[in-house]
Amino acid sequence: MKIKENFMLRKVADCYVVVPVGAAVAEFNGMINLNEAGAFLWQLLESDTTIDDVVSEMLKQYDVDEATAKKDVEKFVAQLREASLLEE
């Protein structure tokens, strides 16, 4: 799975925003605000990956137990799927 094409993550001041560009503008109206952890996950999902790989990277980056990391990653991925932002 990975983030669909034509979505760009940008850091603006201390905030992270995702905006659609190109053809995605017609499909997605608005922008997404992310915290630092959300931006980290987004960047991992810009390349084709698996939930297990994302959880593994999250464990390396953050002081969190595996169960919490997996739950958080699955929730983030579910939100992206709900918004139709992932290619499976």
PDB file of N, CA and C in Angstrom:
ATOM      1  N   MET A   1       0.845  -1.175   0.000  1.00  0.00           N
ATOM      2  CA  MET A   1       0.000   0.000   0.000  1.00  0.00           C
ATOM      3  C   MET A   1       0.883   1.228   0.000  1.00  0.00           C
ATOM      4  N   LYS A   2       0.345   2.301  -0.541  1.00  0.00           N
ATOM      5  CA  LYS A   2       1.054   3.573  -0.516  1.00  0.00           C
ATOM      6  C   LYS A   2       0.089   4.718  -0.778  1.00  0.00           C
ATOM      7  N   ILE A   3       0.531   5.910  -0.444  1.00  0.00           N
ATOM      8  CA  ILE A   3      -0.260   7.113  -0.678  1.00  0.00           C
ATOM      9  C   ILE A   3      -0.437   7.297  -2.185  1.00  0.00           C
ATOM     10  N   LYS A   4      -1.643   7.688  -2.591  1.00  0.00           N
ATOM     11  CA  LYS A   4      -1.890   7.964  -4.005  1.00  0.00           C
ATOM     12  C   LYS A   4      -1.011   9.116  -4.487  1.00  0.00           C
ATOM     13  N   GLU A   5      -0.792   9.131  -5.782  1.00  0.00           N
ATOM     14  CA  GLU A   5      -0.042  10.222  -6.416  1.00  0.00           C
ATOM     15  C   GLU A   5      -0.780  11.544  -6.238  1.00  0.00           C
ATOM     16  N   ASN A   6      -0.070  12.624  -6.409  1.00  0.00           N
ATOM     17  CA  ASN A   6      -0.635  13.978  -6.434  1.00  0.00           C
ATOM     18  C   ASN A   6      -1.099  14.501  -5.084  1.00  0.00           C
ATOM     19  N   PHE A   7      -0.465  14.041  -4.016  1.00  0.00           N
ATOM     20  CA  PHE A   7      -0.660  14.627  -2.700  1.00  0.00           C
ATOM     21  C   PHE A   7       0.704  15.007  -2.165  1.00  0.00           C
ATOM     22  N   MET A   8       0.830  16.236  -1.693  1.00  0.00           N
ATOM     23  CA  MET A   8       2.126  16.741  -1.258  1.00  0.00           C
ATOM     24  C   MET A   8       2.084  17.105   0.224  1.00  0.00           C
ATOM     25  N   LEU A   9       3.071  16.617   0.958  1.00  0.00           N
ATOM     26  CA  LEU A   9       3.231  16.954   2.368  1.00  0.00           C
ATOM     27  C   LEU A   9       4.197  18.127   2.461  1.00  0.00           C
ATOM     28  N   ARG A  10       3.794  19.141   3.203  1.00  0.00           N
ATOM     29  CA  ARG A  10       4.635  20.323   3.391  1.00  0.00           C
ATOM     30  C   ARG A  10       4.628  20.724   4.853  1.00  0.00           C
ATOM     31  N   LYS A  11       5.749  21.227   5.317  1.00  0.00           N
ATOM     32  CA  LYS A  11       5.824  21.774   6.674  1.00  0.00           C
ATOM     33  C   LYS A  11       5.675  23.290   6.565  1.00  0.00           C
ATOM     34  N   VAL A  12       4.699  23.811   7.281  1.00  0.00           N
ATOM     35  CA  VAL A  12       4.428  25.242   7.294  1.00  0.00           C
ATOM     36  C   VAL A  12       4.531  25.682   8.747  1.00  0.00           C
ATOM     37  N   ALA A  13       5.557  26.475   9.049  1.00  0.00           N
ATOM     38  CA  ALA A  13       5.860  26.852  10.428  1.00  0.00           C
ATOM     39  C   ALA A  13       6.076  25.564  11.215  1.00  0.00           C
ATOM     40  N   ASP A  14       5.294  25.310  12.241  1.00  0.00           N
ATOM     41  CA  ASP A  14       5.439  24.085  13.031  1.00  0.00           C
ATOM     42  C   ASP A  14       4.352  23.066  12.714  1.00  0.00           C
ATOM     43  N   CYS A  15       3.651  23.256  11.612  1.00  0.00           N
ATOM     44  CA  CYS A  15       2.551  22.365  11.243  1.00  0.00           C
ATOM     45  C   CYS A  15       2.884  21.629   9.950  1.00  0.00           C
ATOM     46  N   TYR A  16       2.301  20.449   9.808  1.00  0.00           N
ATOM     47  CA  TYR A  16       2.428  19.680   8.580  1.00  0.00           C
ATOM     48  C   TYR A  16       1.076  19.667   7.895  1.00  0.00           C
ATOM     49  N   VAL A  17       1.072  19.950   6.600  1.00  0.00           N
ATOM     50  CA  VAL A  17      -0.167  19.923   5.830  1.00  0.00           C
ATOM     51  C   VAL A  17       0.025  19.080   4.574  1.00  0.00           C
ATOM     52  N   VAL A  18      -1.040  18.424   4.188  1.00  0.00           N
ATOM     53  CA  VAL A  18      -1.061  17.660   2.945  1.00  0.00           C
ATOM     54  C   VAL A  18      -2.092  18.328   2.054  1.00  0.00           C
ATOM     55  N   VAL A  19      -1.683  18.623   0.836  1.00  0.00           N
ATOM     56  CA  VAL A  19      -2.590  19.256  -0.117  1.00  0.00           C
ATOM     57  C   VAL A  19      -2.595  18.452  -1.417  1.00  0.00           C
ATOM     58  N   PRO A  20      -3.750  18.410  -2.065  1.00  0.00           N
ATOM     59  CA  PRO A  20      -3.811  17.745  -3.359  1.00  0.00           C
ATOM     60  C   PRO A  20      -3.220  18.646  -4.438  1.00  0.00           C
ATOM     61  N   VAL A  21      -2.638  18.048  -5.441  1.00  0.00           N
ATOM     62  CA  VAL A  21      -2.122  18.780  -6.599  1.00  0.00           C
ATOM     63  C   VAL A  21      -2.544  18.036  -7.858  1.00  0.00           C
ATOM     64  N   GLY A  22      -2.493  18.712  -8.969  1.00  0.00           N
ATOM     65  CA  GLY A  22      -2.825  18.079 -10.240  1.00  0.00           C
ATOM     66  C   GLY A  22      -4.223  17.510 -10.261  1.00  0.00           C
ATOM     67  N   ALA A  23      -4.355  16.294 -10.764  1.00  0.00           N
ATOM     68  CA  ALA A  23      -5.658  15.644 -10.909  1.00  0.00           C
ATOM     69  C   ALA A  23      -6.343  15.400  -9.568  1.00  0.00           C
ATOM     70  N   ALA A  24      -5.588  15.300  -8.510  1.00  0.00           N
ATOM     71  CA  ALA A  24      -6.171  15.025  -7.194  1.00  0.00           C
ATOM     72  C   ALA A  24      -7.036  16.183  -6.688  1.00  0.00           C
ATOM     73  N   VAL A  25      -6.806  17.387  -7.200  1.00  0.00           N
ATOM     74  CA  VAL A  25      -7.592  18.543  -6.765  1.00  0.00           C
ATOM     75  C   VAL A  25      -9.075  18.329  -7.068  1.00  0.00           C
ATOM     76  N   ALA A  26      -9.368  17.691  -8.194  1.00  0.00           N
ATOM     77  CA  ALA A  26     -10.763  17.450  -8.576  1.00  0.00           C
ATOM     78  C   ALA A  26     -11.421  16.395  -7.689  1.00  0.00           C
ATOM     79  N   GLU A  27     -10.620  15.481  -7.138  1.00  0.00           N
ATOM     80  CA  GLU A  27     -11.154  14.388  -6.328  1.00  0.00           C
ATOM     81  C   GLU A  27     -11.178  14.701  -4.839  1.00  0.00           C
ATOM     82  N   PHE A  28     -10.276  15.543  -4.368  1.00  0.00           N
ATOM     83  CA  PHE A  28     -10.137  15.797  -2.934  1.00  0.00           C
ATOM     84  C   PHE A  28     -10.167  17.294  -2.701  1.00  0.00           C
ATOM     85  N   ASN A  29     -11.175  17.754  -2.022  1.00  0.00           N
ATOM     86  CA  ASN A  29     -11.328  19.175  -1.774  1.00  0.00           C
ATOM     87  C   ASN A  29     -10.917  19.478  -0.340  1.00  0.00           C
ATOM     88  N   GLY A  30      -9.835  20.194  -0.156  1.00  0.00           N
ATOM     89  CA  GLY A  30      -9.387  20.556   1.186  1.00  0.00           C
ATOM     90  C   GLY A  30      -7.928  20.237   1.396  1.00  0.00           C
ATOM     91  N   MET A  31      -7.557  20.196   2.669  1.00  0.00           N
ATOM     92  CA  MET A  31      -6.198  19.834   3.024  1.00  0.00           C
ATOM     93  C   MET A  31      -6.248  19.050   4.325  1.00  0.00           C
ATOM     94  N   ILE A  32      -5.155  18.386   4.632  1.00  0.00           N
ATOM     95  CA  ILE A  32      -5.066  17.554   5.825  1.00  0.00           C
ATOM     96  C   ILE A  32      -3.982  18.136   6.720  1.00  0.00           C
ATOM     97  N   ASN A  33      -4.300  18.318   7.993  1.00  0.00           N
ATOM     98  CA  ASN A  33      -3.313  18.758   8.975  1.00  0.00           C
ATOM     99  C   ASN A  33      -2.814  17.545   9.740  1.00  0.00           C
ATOM    100  N   LEU A  34      -1.494  17.427   9.874  1.00  0.00           N
ATOM    101  CA  LEU A  34      -0.887  16.305  10.576  1.00  0.00           C
ATOM    102  C   LEU A  34       0.044  16.806  11.669  1.00  0.00           C
ATOM    103  N   ASN A  35       0.150  16.034  12.732  1.00  0.00           N
ATOM    104  CA  ASN A  35       1.182  16.315  13.727  1.00  0.00           C
ATOM    105  C   ASN A  35       2.481  15.660  13.264  1.00  0.00           C
ATOM    106  N   GLU A  36       3.511  15.745  14.071  1.00  0.00           N
ATOM    107  CA  GLU A  36       4.824  15.209  13.674  1.00  0.00           C
ATOM    108  C   GLU A  36       4.758  13.704  13.414  1.00  0.00           C
ATOM    109  N   ALA A  37       4.070  12.964  14.277  1.00  0.00           N
ATOM    110  CA  ALA A  37       3.964  11.513  14.096  1.00  0.00           C
ATOM    111  C   ALA A  37       3.174  11.184  12.834  1.00  0.00           C
ATOM    112  N   GLY A  38       2.104  11.915  12.589  1.00  0.00           N
ATOM    113  CA  GLY A  38       1.317  11.706  11.373  1.00  0.00           C
ATOM    114  C   GLY A  38       2.138  11.977  10.121  1.00  0.00           C
ATOM    115  N   ALA A  39       2.945  13.026  10.161  1.00  0.00           N
ATOM    116  CA  ALA A  39       3.818  13.339   9.021  1.00  0.00           C
ATOM    117  C   ALA A  39       4.854  12.236   8.816  1.00  0.00           C
ATOM    118  N   PHE A  40       5.383  11.702   9.908  1.00  0.00           N
ATOM    119  CA  PHE A  40       6.338  10.600   9.831  1.00  0.00           C
ATOM    120  C   PHE A  40       5.692   9.393   9.142  1.00  0.00           C
ATOM    121  N   LEU A  41       4.483   9.046   9.576  1.00  0.00           N
ATOM    122  CA  LEU A  41       3.774   7.921   8.971  1.00  0.00           C
ATOM    123  C   LEU A  41       3.456   8.195   7.501  1.00  0.00           C
ATOM    124  N   TRP A  42       3.032   9.414   7.205  1.00  0.00           N
ATOM    125  CA  TRP A  42       2.724   9.785   5.822  1.00  0.00           C
ATOM    126  C   TRP A  42       3.953   9.572   4.930  1.00  0.00           C
ATOM    127  N   GLN A  43       5.106  10.026   5.398  1.00  0.00           N
ATOM    128  CA  GLN A  43       6.328   9.888   4.608  1.00  0.00           C
ATOM    129  C   GLN A  43       6.672   8.420   4.370  1.00  0.00           C
ATOM    130  N   LEU A  44       6.460   7.578   5.365  1.00  0.00           N
ATOM    131  CA  LEU A  44       6.706   6.146   5.175  1.00  0.00           C
ATOM    132  C   LEU A  44       5.767   5.565   4.124  1.00  0.00           C
ATOM    133  N   LEU A  45       4.537   6.064   4.112  1.00  0.00           N
ATOM    134  CA  LEU A  45       3.523   5.543   3.197  1.00  0.00           C
ATOM    135  C   LEU A  45       3.616   6.148   1.794  1.00  0.00           C
ATOM    136  N   GLU A  46       4.530   7.069   1.584  1.00  0.00           N
ATOM    137  CA  GLU A  46       4.732   7.603   0.232  1.00  0.00           C
ATOM    138  C   GLU A  46       5.391   6.565  -0.669  1.00  0.00           C
ATOM    139  N   SER A  47       6.025   5.564  -0.073  1.00  0.00           N
ATOM    140  CA  SER A  47       6.596   4.439  -0.812  1.00  0.00           C
ATOM    141  C   SER A  47       5.773   3.199  -0.514  1.00  0.00           C
ATOM    142  N   ASP A  48       5.762   2.266  -1.435  1.00  0.00           N
ATOM    143  CA  ASP A  48       5.003   1.035  -1.233  1.00  0.00           C
ATOM    144  C   ASP A  48       5.549   0.309  -0.007  1.00  0.00           C
ATOM    145  N   THR A  49       4.682  -0.004   0.937  1.00  0.00           N
ATOM    146  CA  THR A  49       5.103  -0.612   2.194  1.00  0.00           C
ATOM    147  C   THR A  49       3.977  -1.440   2.782  1.00  0.00           C
ATOM    148  N   THR A  50       4.232  -2.032   3.937  1.00  0.00           N
ATOM    149  CA  THR A  50       3.221  -2.812   4.647  1.00  0.00           C
ATOM    150  C   THR A  50       3.022  -2.213   6.035  1.00  0.00           C
ATOM    151  N   ILE A  51       1.929  -2.586   6.664  1.00  0.00           N
ATOM    152  CA  ILE A  51       1.679  -2.113   8.030  1.00  0.00           C
ATOM    153  C   ILE A  51       2.803  -2.578   8.950  1.00  0.00           C
ATOM    154  N   ASP A  52       3.246  -3.810   8.803  1.00  0.00           N
ATOM    155  CA  ASP A  52       4.323  -4.320   9.665  1.00  0.00           C
ATOM    156  C   ASP A  52       5.599  -3.508   9.509  1.00  0.00           C
ATOM    157  N   ASP A  53       5.930  -3.118   8.283  1.00  0.00           N
ATOM    158  CA  ASP A  53       7.123  -2.299   8.060  1.00  0.00           C
ATOM    159  C   ASP A  53       6.969  -0.921   8.692  1.00  0.00           C
ATOM    160  N   VAL A  54       5.788  -0.340   8.586  1.00  0.00           N
ATOM    161  CA  VAL A  54       5.539   0.980   9.173  1.00  0.00           C
ATOM    162  C   VAL A  54       5.626   0.900  10.692  1.00  0.00           C
ATOM    163  N   VAL A  55       5.056  -0.154  11.276  1.00  0.00           N
ATOM    164  CA  VAL A  55       5.136  -0.342  12.726  1.00  0.00           C
ATOM    165  C   VAL A  55       6.598  -0.476  13.155  1.00  0.00           C
ATOM    166  N   SER A  56       7.362  -1.230  12.415  1.00  0.00           N
ATOM    167  CA  SER A  56       8.783  -1.416  12.731  1.00  0.00           C
ATOM    168  C   SER A  56       9.529  -0.082  12.726  1.00  0.00           C
ATOM    169  N   GLU A  57       9.263   0.749  11.725  1.00  0.00           N
ATOM    170  CA  GLU A  57       9.911   2.063  11.658  1.00  0.00           C
ATOM    171  C   GLU A  57       9.446   2.974  12.794  1.00  0.00           C
ATOM    172  N   MET A  58       8.169   2.875  13.153  1.00  0.00           N
ATOM    173  CA  MET A  58       7.647   3.687  14.249  1.00  0.00           C
ATOM    174  C   MET A  58       8.327   3.307  15.569  1.00  0.00           C
ATOM    175  N   LEU A  59       8.566   2.008  15.772  1.00  0.00           N
ATOM    176  CA  LEU A  59       9.237   1.549  16.987  1.00  0.00           C
ATOM    177  C   LEU A  59      10.672   2.065  17.067  1.00  0.00           C
ATOM    178  N   LYS A  60      11.322   2.224  15.916  1.00  0.00           N
ATOM    179  CA  LYS A  60      12.683   2.768  15.887  1.00  0.00           C
ATOM    180  C   LYS A  60      12.693   4.261  16.199  1.00  0.00           C
ATOM    181  N   GLN A  61      11.646   4.960  15.774  1.00  0.00           N
ATOM    182  CA  GLN A  61      11.609   6.428  15.876  1.00  0.00           C
ATOM    183  C   GLN A  61      11.052   6.926  17.211  1.00  0.00           C
ATOM    184  N   TYR A  62      10.071   6.211  17.761  1.00  0.00           N
ATOM    185  CA  TYR A  62       9.358   6.693  18.944  1.00  0.00           C
ATOM    186  C   TYR A  62       9.464   5.703  20.091  1.00  0.00           C
ATOM    187  N   ASP A  63       9.410   6.216  21.298  1.00  0.00           N
ATOM    188  CA  ASP A  63       9.426   5.388  22.502  1.00  0.00           C
ATOM    189  C   ASP A  63       8.003   4.921  22.782  1.00  0.00           C
ATOM    190  N   VAL A  64       7.616   3.828  22.132  1.00  0.00           N
ATOM    191  CA  VAL A  64       6.261   3.304  22.233  1.00  0.00           C
ATOM    192  C   VAL A  64       6.332   1.785  22.155  1.00  0.00           C
ATOM    193  N   ASP A  65       5.404   1.110  22.825  1.00  0.00           N
ATOM    194  CA  ASP A  65       5.404  -0.350  22.761  1.00  0.00           C
ATOM    195  C   ASP A  65       4.772  -0.811  21.443  1.00  0.00           C
ATOM    196  N   GLU A  66       5.035  -2.049  21.087  1.00  0.00           N
ATOM    197  CA  GLU A  66       4.604  -2.557  19.784  1.00  0.00           C
ATOM    198  C   GLU A  66       3.084  -2.576  19.634  1.00  0.00           C
ATOM    199  N   ALA A  67       2.364  -2.938  20.678  1.00  0.00           N
ATOM    200  CA  ALA A  67       0.901  -2.998  20.587  1.00  0.00           C
ATOM    201  C   ALA A  67       0.306  -1.616  20.321  1.00  0.00           C
ATOM    202  N   THR A  68       0.825  -0.607  21.008  1.00  0.00           N
ATOM    203  CA  THR A  68       0.340   0.760  20.805  1.00  0.00           C
ATOM    204  C   THR A  68       0.691   1.251  19.413  1.00  0.00           C
ATOM    205  N   ALA A  69       1.916   0.982  18.985  1.00  0.00           N
ATOM    206  CA  ALA A  69       2.346   1.405  17.648  1.00  0.00           C
ATOM    207  C   ALA A  69       1.461   0.769  16.578  1.00  0.00           C
ATOM    208  N   LYS A  70       1.204  -0.524  16.713  1.00  0.00           N
ATOM    209  CA  LYS A  70       0.380  -1.208  15.712  1.00  0.00           C
ATOM    210  C   LYS A  70      -1.033  -0.641  15.689  1.00  0.00           C
ATOM    211  N   LYS A  71      -1.611  -0.407  16.861  1.00  0.00           N
ATOM    212  CA  LYS A  71      -2.962   0.150  16.942  1.00  0.00           C
ATOM    213  C   LYS A  71      -3.008   1.532  16.296  1.00  0.00           C
ATOM    214  N   ASP A  72      -2.012   2.370  16.588  1.00  0.00           N
ATOM    215  CA  ASP A  72      -1.977   3.728  16.027  1.00  0.00           C
ATOM    216  C   ASP A  72      -1.783   3.713  14.513  1.00  0.00           C
ATOM    217  N   VAL A  73      -0.900   2.861  14.031  1.00  0.00           N
ATOM    218  CA  VAL A  73      -0.663   2.763  12.584  1.00  0.00           C
ATOM    219  C   VAL A  73      -1.928   2.267  11.883  1.00  0.00           C
ATOM    220  N   GLU A  74      -2.567   1.244  12.433  1.00  0.00           N
ATOM    221  CA  GLU A  74      -3.786   0.722  11.820  1.00  0.00           C
ATOM    222  C   GLU A  74      -4.886   1.775  11.792  1.00  0.00           C
ATOM    223  N   LYS A  75      -4.995   2.579  12.845  1.00  0.00           N
ATOM    224  CA  LYS A  75      -5.995   3.647  12.875  1.00  0.00           C
ATOM    225  C   LYS A  75      -5.693   4.698  11.812  1.00  0.00           C
ATOM    226  N   PHE A  76      -4.418   5.096  11.683  1.00  0.00           N
ATOM    227  CA  PHE A  76      -4.011   6.082  10.682  1.00  0.00           C
ATOM    228  C   PHE A  76      -4.300   5.564   9.276  1.00  0.00           C
ATOM    229  N   VAL A  77      -3.934   4.316   9.015  1.00  0.00           N
ATOM    230  CA  VAL A  77      -4.161   3.711   7.705  1.00  0.00           C
ATOM    231  C   VAL A  77      -5.663   3.619   7.416  1.00  0.00           C
ATOM    232  N   ALA A  78      -6.464   3.275   8.414  1.00  0.00           N
ATOM    233  CA  ALA A  78      -7.915   3.205   8.225  1.00  0.00           C
ATOM    234  C   ALA A  78      -8.484   4.570   7.843  1.00  0.00           C
ATOM    235  N   GLN A  79      -7.969   5.627   8.463  1.00  0.00           N
ATOM    236  CA  GLN A  79      -8.436   6.972   8.119  1.00  0.00           C
ATOM    237  C   GLN A  79      -8.046   7.338   6.694  1.00  0.00           C
ATOM    238  N   LEU A  80      -6.856   6.946   6.276  1.00  0.00           N
ATOM    239  CA  LEU A  80      -6.429   7.206   4.896  1.00  0.00           C
ATOM    240  C   LEU A  80      -7.289   6.425   3.910  1.00  0.00           C
ATOM    241  N   ARG A  81      -7.599   5.182   4.246  1.00  0.00           N
ATOM    242  CA  ARG A  81      -8.462   4.372   3.373  1.00  0.00           C
ATOM    243  C   ARG A  81      -9.850   4.991   3.267  1.00  0.00           C
ATOM    244  N   GLU A  82     -10.379   5.436   4.402  1.00  0.00           N
ATOM    245  CA  GLU A  82     -11.711   6.046   4.419  1.00  0.00           C
ATOM    246  C   GLU A  82     -11.762   7.283   3.523  1.00  0.00           C
ATOM    247  N   ALA A  83     -10.656   8.015   3.467  1.00  0.00           N
ATOM    248  CA  ALA A  83     -10.583   9.211   2.633  1.00  0.00           C
ATOM    249  C   ALA A  83     -10.135   8.883   1.203  1.00  0.00           C
ATOM    250  N   SER A  84      -9.970   7.598   0.896  1.00  0.00           N
ATOM    251  CA  SER A  84      -9.532   7.119  -0.433  1.00  0.00           C
ATOM    252  C   SER A  84      -8.181   7.705  -0.831  1.00  0.00           C
ATOM    253  N   LEU A  85      -7.244   7.728   0.102  1.00  0.00           N
ATOM    254  CA  LEU A  85      -5.926   8.286  -0.166  1.00  0.00           C
ATOM    255  C   LEU A  85      -4.850   7.235  -0.373  1.00  0.00           C
ATOM    256  N   LEU A  86      -5.216   5.958  -0.295  1.00  0.00           N
ATOM    257  CA  LEU A  86      -4.224   4.876  -0.450  1.00  0.00           C
ATOM    258  C   LEU A  86      -4.454   4.079  -1.717  1.00  0.00           C
ATOM    259  N   GLU A  87      -3.351   3.670  -2.299  1.00  0.00           N
ATOM    260  CA  GLU A  87      -3.358   2.665  -3.365  1.00  0.00           C
ATOM    261  C   GLU A  87      -3.038   1.339  -2.682  1.00  0.00           C
ATOM    262  N   GLU A  88      -3.831   0.347  -2.927  1.00  0.00           N
ATOM    263  CA  GLU A  88      -3.615  -0.950  -2.262  1.00  0.00           C
ATOM    264  C   GLU A  88      -2.773  -1.849  -3.125  1.00  0.00           C
TER     265      GLU A  88
END
